[in-house]
Amino acid sequence: MTHLRMTIASLAMICFTLSSIAQTISGQDDDAKYATEMLKPSTEAPAFNLKTIDGKDFRSDQFKHRYVVIDFWASWCPDCRKDAPNVVQMYNEFHKRGVAFVGVSFDTDLLTLHFQRRKK
């Protein structure tokens, strides 16, 4: 389990570093404007409840005491679409080790959500 924690921490650091480099190159740091109240590493995430595309209840506390990657995305978001292959790659590598992956879409068009779901 310690190796898994180190690997996940390393992946997070790589993602953060790449994001920082990209922001430096572009000359803007949009995240710094909005993400001022982010959770710190090793902080327990707050519980939340959502509805699935099927109208079922989803409770984040079902993953208590597990490592969870939560991917907030939208079909209209270019960065989200660009990051999707990386999320799939992380899933393929870590879900076998017990890491849960949850995608939370900001799409509001149910037809778009349905199409995205059927593509998988």
PDB file of N, CA and C in Angstrom:
ATOM      1  N   MET A   1       0.825  -1.196   0.000  1.00  0.00           N
ATOM      2  CA  MET A   1       0.000   0.000   0.000  1.00  0.00           C
ATOM      3  C   MET A   1       0.864   1.252   0.000  1.00  0.00           C
ATOM      4  N   THR A   2       2.029   1.196   0.641  1.00  0.00           N
ATOM      5  CA  THR A   2       2.915   2.355   0.669  1.00  0.00           C
ATOM      6  C   THR A   2       3.403   2.685  -0.735  1.00  0.00           C
ATOM      7  N   HIS A   3       3.710   1.638  -1.534  1.00  0.00           N
ATOM      8  CA  HIS A   3       4.151   1.854  -2.911  1.00  0.00           C
ATOM      9  C   HIS A   3       3.038   2.535  -3.717  1.00  0.00           C
ATOM     10  N   LEU A   4       1.801   2.111  -3.501  1.00  0.00           N
ATOM     11  CA  LEU A   4       0.673   2.714  -4.197  1.00  0.00           C
ATOM     12  C   LEU A   4       0.534   4.187  -3.830  1.00  0.00           C
ATOM     13  N   ARG A   5       0.685   4.508  -2.548  1.00  0.00           N
ATOM     14  CA  ARG A   5       0.603   5.913  -2.114  1.00  0.00           C
ATOM     15  C   ARG A   5       1.696   6.748  -2.775  1.00  0.00           C
ATOM     16  N   MET A   6       2.893   6.207  -2.828  1.00  0.00           N
ATOM     17  CA  MET A   6       4.007   6.937  -3.449  1.00  0.00           C
ATOM     18  C   MET A   6       3.754   7.142  -4.935  1.00  0.00           C
ATOM     19  N   THR A   7       3.226   6.114  -5.600  1.00  0.00           N
ATOM     20  CA  THR A   7       2.950   6.220  -7.026  1.00  0.00           C
ATOM     21  C   THR A   7       1.877   7.263  -7.294  1.00  0.00           C
ATOM     22  N   ILE A   8       0.811   7.236  -6.497  1.00  0.00           N
ATOM     23  CA  ILE A   8      -0.261   8.220  -6.676  1.00  0.00           C
ATOM     24  C   ILE A   8       0.252   9.621  -6.385  1.00  0.00           C
ATOM     25  N   ALA A   9       1.048   9.763  -5.332  1.00  0.00           N
ATOM     26  CA  ALA A   9       1.619  11.073  -5.014  1.00  0.00           C
ATOM     27  C   ALA A   9       2.521  11.549  -6.147  1.00  0.00           C
ATOM     28  N   SER A  10       3.289  10.636  -6.726  1.00  0.00           N
ATOM     29  CA  SER A  10       4.169  11.003  -7.840  1.00  0.00           C
ATOM     30  C   SER A  10       3.358  11.451  -9.046  1.00  0.00           C
ATOM     31  N   LEU A  11       2.273  10.723  -9.344  1.00  0.00           N
ATOM     32  CA  LEU A  11       1.417  11.120 -10.468  1.00  0.00           C
ATOM     33  C   LEU A  11       0.803  12.497 -10.249  1.00  0.00           C
ATOM     34  N   ALA A  12       0.363  12.735  -9.031  1.00  0.00           N
ATOM     35  CA  ALA A  12      -0.225  14.045  -8.725  1.00  0.00           C
ATOM     36  C   ALA A  12       0.813  15.150  -8.901  1.00  0.00           C
ATOM     37  N   MET A  13       2.028  14.892  -8.448  1.00  0.00           N
ATOM     38  CA  MET A  13       3.089  15.884  -8.577  1.00  0.00           C
ATOM     39  C   MET A  13       3.427  16.141 -10.047  1.00  0.00           C
ATOM     40  N   ILE A  14       3.460  15.090 -10.856  1.00  0.00           N
ATOM     41  CA  ILE A  14       3.745  15.243 -12.283  1.00  0.00           C
ATOM     42  C   ILE A  14       2.652  16.083 -12.939  1.00  0.00           C
ATOM     43  N   CYS A  15       1.382  15.767 -12.636  1.00  0.00           N
ATOM     44  CA  CYS A  15       0.269  16.542 -13.210  1.00  0.00           C
ATOM     45  C   CYS A  15       0.353  18.006 -12.800  1.00  0.00           C
ATOM     46  N   PHE A  16       0.641  18.249 -11.525  1.00  0.00           N
ATOM     47  CA  PHE A  16       0.760  19.614 -11.031  1.00  0.00           C
ATOM     48  C   PHE A  16       1.903  20.337 -11.738  1.00  0.00           C
ATOM     49  N   THR A  17       3.044  19.654 -11.889  1.00  0.00           N
ATOM     50  CA  THR A  17       4.207  20.260 -12.537  1.00  0.00           C
ATOM     51  C   THR A  17       3.912  20.598 -13.988  1.00  0.00           C
ATOM     52  N   LEU A  18       3.300  19.654 -14.714  1.00  0.00           N
ATOM     53  CA  LEU A  18       2.969  19.909 -16.115  1.00  0.00           C
ATOM     54  C   LEU A  18       1.985  21.061 -16.244  1.00  0.00           C
ATOM     55  N   SER A  19       1.031  21.120 -15.352  1.00  0.00           N
ATOM     56  CA  SER A  19       0.064  22.219 -15.362  1.00  0.00           C
ATOM     57  C   SER A  19       0.761  23.551 -15.108  1.00  0.00           C
ATOM     58  N   SER A  20       1.694  23.557 -14.153  1.00  0.00           N
ATOM     59  CA  SER A  20       2.428  24.788 -13.835  1.00  0.00           C
ATOM     60  C   SER A  20       3.269  25.248 -15.008  1.00  0.00           C
ATOM     61  N   ILE A  21       3.911  24.297 -15.682  1.00  0.00           N
ATOM     62  CA  ILE A  21       4.735  24.639 -16.852  1.00  0.00           C
ATOM     63  C   ILE A  21       3.858  25.232 -17.945  1.00  0.00           C
ATOM     64  N   ALA A  22       2.717  24.598 -18.191  1.00  0.00           N
ATOM     65  CA  ALA A  22       1.813  25.096 -19.230  1.00  0.00           C
ATOM     66  C   ALA A  22       1.326  26.501 -18.908  1.00  0.00           C
ATOM     67  N   GLN A  23       1.034  26.766 -17.643  1.00  0.00           N
ATOM     68  CA  GLN A  23       0.560  28.090 -17.255  1.00  0.00           C
ATOM     69  C   GLN A  23       1.667  29.119 -17.372  1.00  0.00           C
ATOM     70  N   THR A  24       2.904  28.718 -17.062  1.00  0.00           N
ATOM     71  CA  THR A  24       4.030  29.625 -17.189  1.00  0.00           C
ATOM     72  C   THR A  24       4.256  29.993 -18.640  1.00  0.00           C
ATOM     73  N   ILE A  25       4.168  28.994 -19.520  1.00  0.00           N
ATOM     74  CA  ILE A  25       4.364  29.241 -20.944  1.00  0.00           C
ATOM     75  C   ILE A  25       3.277  30.158 -21.484  1.00  0.00           C
ATOM     76  N   SER A  26       2.034  29.921 -21.059  1.00  0.00           N
ATOM     77  CA  SER A  26       0.927  30.739 -21.568  1.00  0.00           C
ATOM     78  C   SER A  26       0.867  32.115 -20.909  1.00  0.00           C
ATOM     79  N   GLY A  27       1.580  32.275 -19.791  1.00  0.00           N
ATOM     80  CA  GLY A  27       1.619  33.568 -19.122  1.00  0.00           C
ATOM     81  C   GLY A  27       0.424  33.848 -18.236  1.00  0.00           C
ATOM     82  N   GLN A  28      -0.416  32.863 -18.016  1.00  0.00           N
ATOM     83  CA  GLN A  28      -1.569  33.093 -17.155  1.00  0.00           C
ATOM     84  C   GLN A  28      -1.744  31.922 -16.203  1.00  0.00           C
ATOM     85  N   ASP A  29      -2.298  32.198 -15.071  1.00  0.00           N
ATOM     86  CA  ASP A  29      -2.547  31.169 -14.069  1.00  0.00           C
ATOM     87  C   ASP A  29      -3.992  31.290 -13.631  1.00  0.00           C
ATOM     88  N   ASP A  30      -4.895  30.794 -14.490  1.00  0.00           N
ATOM     89  CA  ASP A  30      -6.326  30.897 -14.209  1.00  0.00           C
ATOM     90  C   ASP A  30      -6.706  30.139 -12.946  1.00  0.00           C
ATOM     91  N   ASP A  31      -6.044  29.011 -12.688  1.00  0.00           N
ATOM     92  CA  ASP A  31      -6.371  28.236 -11.495  1.00  0.00           C
ATOM     93  C   ASP A  31      -6.138  29.045 -10.221  1.00  0.00           C
ATOM     94  N   ALA A  32      -5.107  29.861 -10.212  1.00  0.00           N
ATOM     95  CA  ALA A  32      -4.786  30.643  -9.017  1.00  0.00           C
ATOM     96  C   ALA A  32      -5.904  31.632  -8.684  1.00  0.00           C
ATOM     97  N   LYS A  33      -6.652  32.046  -9.696  1.00  0.00           N
ATOM     98  CA  LYS A  33      -7.745  32.984  -9.468  1.00  0.00           C
ATOM     99  C   LYS A  33      -8.935  32.315  -8.787  1.00  0.00           C
ATOM    100  N   TYR A  34      -9.165  31.039  -9.112  1.00  0.00           N
ATOM    101  CA  TYR A  34     -10.395  30.391  -8.664  1.00  0.00           C
ATOM    102  C   TYR A  34     -10.170  29.324  -7.602  1.00  0.00           C
ATOM    103  N   ALA A  35      -9.071  28.628  -7.657  1.00  0.00           N
ATOM    104  CA  ALA A  35      -8.845  27.484  -6.771  1.00  0.00           C
ATOM    105  C   ALA A  35      -8.092  27.905  -5.517  1.00  0.00           C
ATOM    106  N   THR A  36      -8.676  28.806  -4.762  1.00  0.00           N
ATOM    107  CA  THR A  36      -7.993  29.331  -3.587  1.00  0.00           C
ATOM    108  C   THR A  36      -8.311  28.535  -2.322  1.00  0.00           C
ATOM    109  N   GLU A  37      -9.326  27.711  -2.364  1.00  0.00           N
ATOM    110  CA  GLU A  37      -9.741  26.954  -1.181  1.00  0.00           C
ATOM    111  C   GLU A  37      -9.596  25.453  -1.405  1.00  0.00           C
ATOM    112  N   MET A  38      -8.566  25.049  -2.123  1.00  0.00           N
ATOM    113  CA  MET A  38      -8.365  23.642  -2.446  1.00  0.00           C
ATOM    114  C   MET A  38      -7.997  22.838  -1.206  1.00  0.00           C
ATOM    115  N   LEU A  39      -8.333  21.558  -1.250  1.00  0.00           N
ATOM    116  CA  LEU A  39      -7.923  20.656  -0.182  1.00  0.00           C
ATOM    117  C   LEU A  39      -6.418  20.433  -0.253  1.00  0.00           C
ATOM    118  N   LYS A  40      -5.825  20.312   0.866  1.00  0.00           N
ATOM    119  CA  LYS A  40      -4.396  20.032   0.940  1.00  0.00           C
ATOM    120  C   LYS A  40      -4.185  18.518   0.838  1.00  0.00           C
ATOM    121  N   PRO A  41      -2.996  18.080   0.381  1.00  0.00           N
ATOM    122  CA  PRO A  41      -2.725  16.641   0.316  1.00  0.00           C
ATOM    123  C   PRO A  41      -2.966  15.978   1.666  1.00  0.00           C
ATOM    124  N   SER A  42      -3.471  14.770   1.620  1.00  0.00           N
ATOM    125  CA  SER A  42      -3.770  13.935   2.792  1.00  0.00           C
ATOM    126  C   SER A  42      -4.965  14.437   3.593  1.00  0.00           C
ATOM    127  N   THR A  43      -5.719  15.397   3.050  1.00  0.00           N
ATOM    128  CA  THR A  43      -6.927  15.877   3.712  1.00  0.00           C
ATOM    129  C   THR A  43      -8.094  15.020   3.248  1.00  0.00           C
ATOM    130  N   GLU A  44      -8.939  14.636   4.179  1.00  0.00           N
ATOM    131  CA  GLU A  44     -10.115  13.861   3.810  1.00  0.00           C
ATOM    132  C   GLU A  44     -11.084  14.765   3.057  1.00  0.00           C
ATOM    133  N   ALA A  45     -11.526  14.293   1.919  1.00  0.00           N
ATOM    134  CA  ALA A  45     -12.455  15.082   1.103  1.00  0.00           C
ATOM    135  C   ALA A  45     -13.824  15.131   1.762  1.00  0.00           C
ATOM    136  N   PRO A  46     -14.530  16.245   1.624  1.00  0.00           N
ATOM    137  CA  PRO A  46     -15.885  16.324   2.189  1.00  0.00           C
ATOM    138  C   PRO A  46     -16.827  15.378   1.442  1.00  0.00           C
ATOM    139  N   ALA A  47     -17.790  14.852   2.146  1.00  0.00           N
ATOM    140  CA  ALA A  47     -18.777  13.964   1.537  1.00  0.00           C
ATOM    141  C   ALA A  47     -19.714  14.778   0.645  1.00  0.00           C
ATOM    142  N   PHE A  48     -20.159  14.152  -0.437  1.00  0.00           N
ATOM    143  CA  PHE A  48     -21.140  14.792  -1.301  1.00  0.00           C
ATOM    144  C   PHE A  48     -22.072  13.737  -1.883  1.00  0.00           C
ATOM    145  N   ASN A  49     -23.262  14.176  -2.250  1.00  0.00           N
ATOM    146  CA  ASN A  49     -24.275  13.316  -2.855  1.00  0.00           C
ATOM    147  C   ASN A  49     -24.686  13.923  -4.185  1.00  0.00           C
ATOM    148  N   LEU A  50     -24.820  13.071  -5.204  1.00  0.00           N
ATOM    149  CA  LEU A  50     -25.239  13.506  -6.532  1.00  0.00           C
ATOM    150  C   LEU A  50     -26.218  12.493  -7.099  1.00  0.00           C
ATOM    151  N   LYS A  51     -26.856  12.855  -8.183  1.00  0.00           N
ATOM    152  CA  LYS A  51     -27.692  11.923  -8.934  1.00  0.00           C
ATOM    153  C   LYS A  51     -26.888  11.444 -10.144  1.00  0.00           C
ATOM    154  N   THR A  52     -27.000  10.152 -10.461  1.00  0.00           N
ATOM    155  CA  THR A  52     -26.347   9.624 -11.649  1.00  0.00           C
ATOM    156  C   THR A  52     -27.194   9.955 -12.864  1.00  0.00           C
ATOM    157  N   ILE A  53     -26.662   9.677 -14.035  1.00  0.00           N
ATOM    158  CA  ILE A  53     -27.416   9.924 -15.269  1.00  0.00           C
ATOM    159  C   ILE A  53     -28.691   9.095 -15.289  1.00  0.00           C
ATOM    160  N   ASP A  54     -28.702   7.964 -14.559  1.00  0.00           N
ATOM    161  CA  ASP A  54     -29.875   7.106 -14.469  1.00  0.00           C
ATOM    162  C   ASP A  54     -30.843   7.537 -13.372  1.00  0.00           C
ATOM    163  N   GLY A  55     -30.512   8.636 -12.672  1.00  0.00           N
ATOM    164  CA  GLY A  55     -31.375   9.137 -11.620  1.00  0.00           C
ATOM    165  C   GLY A  55     -31.171   8.465 -10.271  1.00  0.00           C
ATOM    166  N   LYS A  56     -30.154   7.608 -10.174  1.00  0.00           N
ATOM    167  CA  LYS A  56     -29.873   6.942  -8.900  1.00  0.00           C
ATOM    168  C   LYS A  56     -29.032   7.854  -8.016  1.00  0.00           C
ATOM    169  N   ASP A  57     -29.078   7.585  -6.721  1.00  0.00           N
ATOM    170  CA  ASP A  57     -28.276   8.360  -5.777  1.00  0.00           C
ATOM    171  C   ASP A  57     -26.831   7.878  -5.788  1.00  0.00           C
ATOM    172  N   PHE A  58     -25.907   8.819  -5.796  1.00  0.00           N
ATOM    173  CA  PHE A  58     -24.485   8.530  -5.671  1.00  0.00           C
ATOM    174  C   PHE A  58     -23.994   9.225  -4.416  1.00  0.00           C
ATOM    175  N   ARG A  59     -23.373   8.465  -3.540  1.00  0.00           N
ATOM    176  CA  ARG A  59     -22.842   9.019  -2.293  1.00  0.00           C
ATOM    177  C   ARG A  59     -21.334   8.791  -2.259  1.00  0.00           C
ATOM    178  N   SER A  60     -20.599   9.852  -2.080  1.00  0.00           N
ATOM    179  CA  SER A  60     -19.136   9.726  -2.061  1.00  0.00           C
ATOM    180  C   SER A  60     -18.640   8.935  -0.860  1.00  0.00           C
ATOM    181  N   ASP A  61     -19.426   8.895   0.207  1.00  0.00           N
ATOM    182  CA  ASP A  61     -18.951   8.185   1.388  1.00  0.00           C
ATOM    183  C   ASP A  61     -18.899   6.662   1.198  1.00  0.00           C
ATOM    184  N   GLN A  62     -19.399   6.170   0.074  1.00  0.00           N
ATOM    185  CA  GLN A  62     -19.263   4.740  -0.214  1.00  0.00           C
ATOM    186  C   GLN A  62     -17.803   4.361  -0.500  1.00  0.00           C
ATOM    187  N   PHE A  63     -16.970   5.362  -0.709  1.00  0.00           N
ATOM    188  CA  PHE A  63     -15.550   5.138  -0.958  1.00  0.00           C
ATOM    189  C   PHE A  63     -14.687   5.465   0.253  1.00  0.00           C
ATOM    190  N   LYS A  64     -15.287   5.579   1.411  1.00  0.00           N
ATOM    191  CA  LYS A  64     -14.551   5.937   2.622  1.00  0.00           C
ATOM    192  C   LYS A  64     -13.385   4.965   2.827  1.00  0.00           C
ATOM    193  N   HIS A  65     -12.238   5.522   3.190  1.00  0.00           N
ATOM    194  CA  HIS A  65     -11.003   4.769   3.440  1.00  0.00           C
ATOM    195  C   HIS A  65     -10.423   4.136   2.176  1.00  0.00           C
ATOM    196  N   ARG A  66     -10.750   4.689   1.025  1.00  0.00           N
ATOM    197  CA  ARG A  66     -10.167   4.234  -0.243  1.00  0.00           C
ATOM    198  C   ARG A  66      -9.571   5.431  -0.957  1.00  0.00           C
ATOM    199  N   TYR A  67      -8.620   5.136  -1.819  1.00  0.00           N
ATOM    200  CA  TYR A  67      -8.114   6.186  -2.695  1.00  0.00           C
ATOM    201  C   TYR A  67      -9.107   6.366  -3.830  1.00  0.00           C
ATOM    202  N   VAL A  68      -9.439   7.632  -4.116  1.00  0.00           N
ATOM    203  CA  VAL A  68     -10.418   7.931  -5.149  1.00  0.00           C
ATOM    204  C   VAL A  68      -9.884   9.072  -6.002  1.00  0.00           C
ATOM    205  N   VAL A  69      -9.959   8.888  -7.319  1.00  0.00           N
ATOM    206  CA  VAL A  69      -9.660   9.971  -8.258  1.00  0.00           C
ATOM    207  C   VAL A  69     -11.006  10.482  -8.751  1.00  0.00           C
ATOM    208  N   ILE A  70     -11.274  11.753  -8.494  1.00  0.00           N
ATOM    209  CA  ILE A  70     -12.523  12.357  -8.955  1.00  0.00           C
ATOM    210  C   ILE A  70     -12.177  13.279 -10.117  1.00  0.00           C
ATOM    211  N   ASP A  71     -12.743  12.963 -11.274  1.00  0.00           N
ATOM    212  CA  ASP A  71     -12.480  13.733 -12.489  1.00  0.00           C
ATOM    213  C   ASP A  71     -13.699  14.595 -12.792  1.00  0.00           C
ATOM    214  N   PHE A  72     -13.566  15.901 -12.595  1.00  0.00           N
ATOM    215  CA  PHE A  72     -14.621  16.849 -12.948  1.00  0.00           C
ATOM    216  C   PHE A  72     -14.380  17.265 -14.389  1.00  0.00           C
ATOM    217  N   TRP A  73     -15.369  17.099 -15.256  1.00  0.00           N
ATOM    218  CA  TRP A  73     -15.170  17.333 -16.676  1.00  0.00           C
ATOM    219  C   TRP A  73     -16.467  17.814 -17.327  1.00  0.00           C
ATOM    220  N   ALA A  74     -16.349  18.232 -18.578  1.00  0.00           N
ATOM    221  CA  ALA A  74     -17.516  18.592 -19.395  1.00  0.00           C
ATOM    222  C   ALA A  74     -17.146  18.388 -20.857  1.00  0.00           C
ATOM    223  N   SER A  75     -18.101  17.996 -21.668  1.00  0.00           N
ATOM    224  CA  SER A  75     -17.824  17.745 -23.082  1.00  0.00           C
ATOM    225  C   SER A  75     -17.435  19.031 -23.807  1.00  0.00           C
ATOM    226  N   TRP A  76     -17.874  20.185 -23.306  1.00  0.00           N
ATOM    227  CA  TRP A  76     -17.569  21.465 -23.944  1.00  0.00           C
ATOM    228  C   TRP A  76     -16.229  22.041 -23.498  1.00  0.00           C
ATOM    229  N   CYS A  77     -15.520  21.357 -22.605  1.00  0.00           N
ATOM    230  CA  CYS A  77     -14.262  21.852 -22.041  1.00  0.00           C
ATOM    231  C   CYS A  77     -13.074  21.265 -22.804  1.00  0.00           C
ATOM    232  N   PRO A  78     -12.339  22.095 -23.565  1.00  0.00           N
ATOM    233  CA  PRO A  78     -11.206  21.574 -24.344  1.00  0.00           C
ATOM    234  C   PRO A  78     -10.142  20.896 -23.476  1.00  0.00           C
ATOM    235  N   ASP A  79      -9.831  21.475 -22.325  1.00  0.00           N
ATOM    236  CA  ASP A  79      -8.821  20.863 -21.452  1.00  0.00           C
ATOM    237  C   ASP A  79      -9.292  19.510 -20.920  1.00  0.00           C
ATOM    238  N   CYS A  80     -10.587  19.404 -20.645  1.00  0.00           N
ATOM    239  CA  CYS A  80     -11.131  18.131 -20.154  1.00  0.00           C
ATOM    240  C   CYS A  80     -10.997  17.049 -21.219  1.00  0.00           C
ATOM    241  N   ARG A  81     -11.335  17.396 -22.454  1.00  0.00           N
ATOM    242  CA  ARG A  81     -11.217  16.421 -23.546  1.00  0.00           C
ATOM    243  C   ARG A  81      -9.756  16.045 -23.769  1.00  0.00           C
ATOM    244  N   LYS A  82      -8.874  17.025 -23.624  1.00  0.00           N
ATOM    245  CA  LYS A  82      -7.444  16.767 -23.804  1.00  0.00           C
ATOM    246  C   LYS A  82      -6.909  15.851 -22.695  1.00  0.00           C
ATOM    247  N   ASP A  83      -7.430  15.990 -21.482  1.00  0.00           N
ATOM    248  CA  ASP A  83      -6.968  15.183 -20.347  1.00  0.00           C
ATOM    249  C   ASP A  83      -7.591  13.793 -20.299  1.00  0.00           C
ATOM    250  N   ALA A  84      -8.673  13.563 -21.031  1.00  0.00           N
ATOM    251  CA  ALA A  84      -9.392  12.291 -20.952  1.00  0.00           C
ATOM    252  C   ALA A  84      -8.495  11.070 -21.184  1.00  0.00           C
ATOM    253  N   PRO A  85      -7.609  11.060 -22.188  1.00  0.00           N
ATOM    254  CA  PRO A  85      -6.750   9.883 -22.358  1.00  0.00           C
ATOM    255  C   PRO A  85      -5.844   9.636 -21.153  1.00  0.00           C
ATOM    256  N   ASN A  86      -5.429  10.698 -20.477  1.00  0.00           N
ATOM    257  CA  ASN A  86      -4.593  10.528 -19.281  1.00  0.00           C
ATOM    258  C   ASN A  86      -5.395   9.893 -18.143  1.00  0.00           C
ATOM    259  N   VAL A  87      -6.643  10.280 -18.008  1.00  0.00           N
ATOM    260  CA  VAL A  87      -7.501   9.699 -16.973  1.00  0.00           C
ATOM    261  C   VAL A  87      -7.715   8.212 -17.271  1.00  0.00           C
ATOM    262  N   VAL A  88      -7.953   7.879 -18.535  1.00  0.00           N
ATOM    263  CA  VAL A  88      -8.131   6.476 -18.922  1.00  0.00           C
ATOM    264  C   VAL A  88      -6.858   5.682 -18.634  1.00  0.00           C
ATOM    265  N   GLN A  89      -5.708   6.260 -18.951  1.00  0.00           N
ATOM    266  CA  GLN A  89      -4.431   5.594 -18.685  1.00  0.00           C
ATOM    267  C   GLN A  89      -4.245   5.356 -17.179  1.00  0.00           C
ATOM    268  N   MET A  90      -4.552   6.363 -16.361  1.00  0.00           N
ATOM    269  CA  MET A  90      -4.449   6.192 -14.904  1.00  0.00           C
ATOM    270  C   MET A  90      -5.411   5.112 -14.423  1.00  0.00           C
ATOM    271  N   TYR A  91      -6.629   5.116 -14.970  1.00  0.00           N
ATOM    272  CA  TYR A  91      -7.609   4.098 -14.592  1.00  0.00           C
ATOM    273  C   TYR A  91      -7.069   2.700 -14.913  1.00  0.00           C
ATOM    274  N   ASN A  92      -6.573   2.529 -16.138  1.00  0.00           N
ATOM    275  CA  ASN A  92      -6.065   1.217 -16.550  1.00  0.00           C
ATOM    276  C   ASN A  92      -4.923   0.748 -15.657  1.00  0.00           C
ATOM    277  N   GLU A  93      -4.143   1.669 -15.149  1.00  0.00           N
ATOM    278  CA  GLU A  93      -3.013   1.295 -14.304  1.00  0.00           C
ATOM    279  C   GLU A  93      -3.393   1.070 -12.843  1.00  0.00           C
ATOM    280  N   PHE A  94      -4.327   1.859 -12.312  1.00  0.00           N
ATOM    281  CA  PHE A  94      -4.556   1.848 -10.868  1.00  0.00           C
ATOM    282  C   PHE A  94      -5.859   1.209 -10.385  1.00  0.00           C
ATOM    283  N   HIS A  95      -6.845   1.018 -11.258  1.00  0.00           N
ATOM    284  CA  HIS A  95      -8.097   0.436 -10.745  1.00  0.00           C
ATOM    285  C   HIS A  95      -7.887  -0.994 -10.251  1.00  0.00           C
ATOM    286  N   LYS A  96      -6.921  -1.711 -10.833  1.00  0.00           N
ATOM    287  CA  LYS A  96      -6.626  -3.079 -10.388  1.00  0.00           C
ATOM    288  C   LYS A  96      -6.070  -3.099  -8.971  1.00  0.00           C
ATOM    289  N   ARG A  97      -5.539  -1.965  -8.544  1.00  0.00           N
ATOM    290  CA  ARG A  97      -4.955  -1.859  -7.205  1.00  0.00           C
ATOM    291  C   ARG A  97      -5.940  -1.296  -6.183  1.00  0.00           C
ATOM    292  N   GLY A  98      -7.181  -1.167  -6.591  1.00  0.00           N
ATOM    293  CA  GLY A  98      -8.209  -0.732  -5.652  1.00  0.00           C
ATOM    294  C   GLY A  98      -8.514   0.752  -5.665  1.00  0.00           C
ATOM    295  N   VAL A  99      -7.888   1.508  -6.568  1.00  0.00           N
ATOM    296  CA  VAL A  99      -8.183   2.932  -6.657  1.00  0.00           C
ATOM    297  C   VAL A  99      -9.500   3.096  -7.420  1.00  0.00           C
ATOM    298  N   ALA A 100     -10.428   3.846  -6.847  1.00  0.00           N
ATOM    299  CA  ALA A 100     -11.723   4.099  -7.482  1.00  0.00           C
ATOM    300  C   ALA A 100     -11.636   5.359  -8.332  1.00  0.00           C
ATOM    301  N   PHE A 101     -12.335   5.364  -9.438  1.00  0.00           N
ATOM    302  CA  PHE A 101     -12.384   6.523 -10.329  1.00  0.00           C
ATOM    303  C   PHE A 101     -13.839   6.941 -10.499  1.00  0.00           C
ATOM    304  N   VAL A 102     -14.094   8.226 -10.278  1.00  0.00           N
ATOM    305  CA  VAL A 102     -15.444   8.778 -10.382  1.00  0.00           C
ATOM    306  C   VAL A 102     -15.381   9.970 -11.319  1.00  0.00           C
ATOM    307  N   GLY A 103     -16.222   9.962 -12.341  1.00  0.00           N
ATOM    308  CA  GLY A 103     -16.313  11.095 -13.254  1.00  0.00           C
ATOM    309  C   GLY A 103     -17.550  11.916 -12.927  1.00  0.00           C
ATOM    310  N   VAL A 104     -17.358  13.215 -12.766  1.00  0.00           N
ATOM    311  CA  VAL A 104     -18.478  14.122 -12.489  1.00  0.00           C
ATOM    312  C   VAL A 104     -18.550  15.101 -13.656  1.00  0.00           C
ATOM    313  N   SER A 105     -19.631  15.001 -14.425  1.00  0.00           N
ATOM    314  CA  SER A 105     -19.790  15.850 -15.603  1.00  0.00           C
ATOM    315  C   SER A 105     -20.540  17.125 -15.256  1.00  0.00           C
ATOM    316  N   PHE A 106     -20.083  18.220 -15.850  1.00  0.00           N
ATOM    317  CA  PHE A 106     -20.777  19.496 -15.712  1.00  0.00           C
ATOM    318  C   PHE A 106     -21.715  19.739 -16.887  1.00  0.00           C
ATOM    319  N   ASP A 107     -21.861  18.750 -17.769  1.00  0.00           N
ATOM    320  CA  ASP A 107     -22.807  18.874 -18.871  1.00  0.00           C
ATOM    321  C   ASP A 107     -24.219  18.918 -18.316  1.00  0.00           C
ATOM    322  N   THR A 108     -25.058  19.730 -18.926  1.00  0.00           N
ATOM    323  CA  THR A 108     -26.445  19.826 -18.479  1.00  0.00           C
ATOM    324  C   THR A 108     -27.403  19.235 -19.502  1.00  0.00           C
ATOM    325  N   ASP A 109     -26.934  18.989 -20.697  1.00  0.00           N
ATOM    326  CA  ASP A 109     -27.754  18.425 -21.761  1.00  0.00           C
ATOM    327  C   ASP A 109     -27.774  16.898 -21.604  1.00  0.00           C
ATOM    328  N   LEU A 110     -28.921  16.336 -21.244  1.00  0.00           N
ATOM    329  CA  LEU A 110     -29.011  14.896 -21.004  1.00  0.00           C
ATOM    330  C   LEU A 110     -28.678  14.088 -22.248  1.00  0.00           C
ATOM    331  N   LEU A 111     -28.991  14.606 -23.434  1.00  0.00           N
ATOM    332  CA  LEU A 111     -28.661  13.891 -24.665  1.00  0.00           C
ATOM    333  C   LEU A 111     -27.143  13.773 -24.811  1.00  0.00           C
ATOM    334  N   THR A 112     -26.419  14.844 -24.513  1.00  0.00           N
ATOM    335  CA  THR A 112     -24.959  14.813 -24.563  1.00  0.00           C
ATOM    336  C   THR A 112     -24.415  13.804 -23.560  1.00  0.00           C
ATOM    337  N   LEU A 113     -24.943  13.820 -22.356  1.00  0.00           N
ATOM    338  CA  LEU A 113     -24.486  12.883 -21.329  1.00  0.00           C
ATOM    339  C   LEU A 113     -24.759  11.448 -21.750  1.00  0.00           C
ATOM    340  N   HIS A 114     -25.927  11.208 -22.313  1.00  0.00           N
ATOM    341  CA  HIS A 114     -26.280   9.863 -22.755  1.00  0.00           C
ATOM    342  C   HIS A 114     -25.329   9.396 -23.856  1.00  0.00           C
ATOM    343  N   PHE A 115     -25.030  10.278 -24.814  1.00  0.00           N
ATOM    344  CA  PHE A 115     -24.110   9.941 -25.894  1.00  0.00           C
ATOM    345  C   PHE A 115     -22.705   9.638 -25.352  1.00  0.00           C
ATOM    346  N   GLN A 116     -22.226  10.466 -24.436  1.00  0.00           N
ATOM    347  CA  GLN A 116     -20.904  10.259 -23.844  1.00  0.00           C
ATOM    348  C   GLN A 116     -20.854   8.912 -23.137  1.00  0.00           C
ATOM    349  N   ARG A 117     -21.915   8.566 -22.447  1.00  0.00           N
ATOM    350  CA  ARG A 117     -21.954   7.307 -21.696  1.00  0.00           C
ATOM    351  C   ARG A 117     -21.942   6.121 -22.639  1.00  0.00           C
ATOM    352  N   ARG A 118     -22.652   6.210 -23.750  1.00  0.00           N
ATOM    353  CA  ARG A 118     -22.730   5.082 -24.692  1.00  0.00           C
ATOM    354  C   ARG A 118     -21.430   4.891 -25.461  1.00  0.00           C
ATOM    355  N   LYS A 119     -20.611   5.953 -25.579  1.00  0.00           N
ATOM    356  CA  LYS A 119     -19.325   5.843 -26.284  1.00  0.00           C
ATOM    357  C   LYS A 119     -18.350   4.939 -25.546  1.00  0.00           C
ATOM    358  N   LYS A 120     -18.514   4.795 -24.228  1.00  0.00           N
ATOM    359  CA  LYS A 120     -17.558   4.031 -23.417  1.00  0.00           C
ATOM    360  C   LYS A 120     -17.658   2.590 -23.670  1.00  0.00           C
TER     361      LYS A 120
END
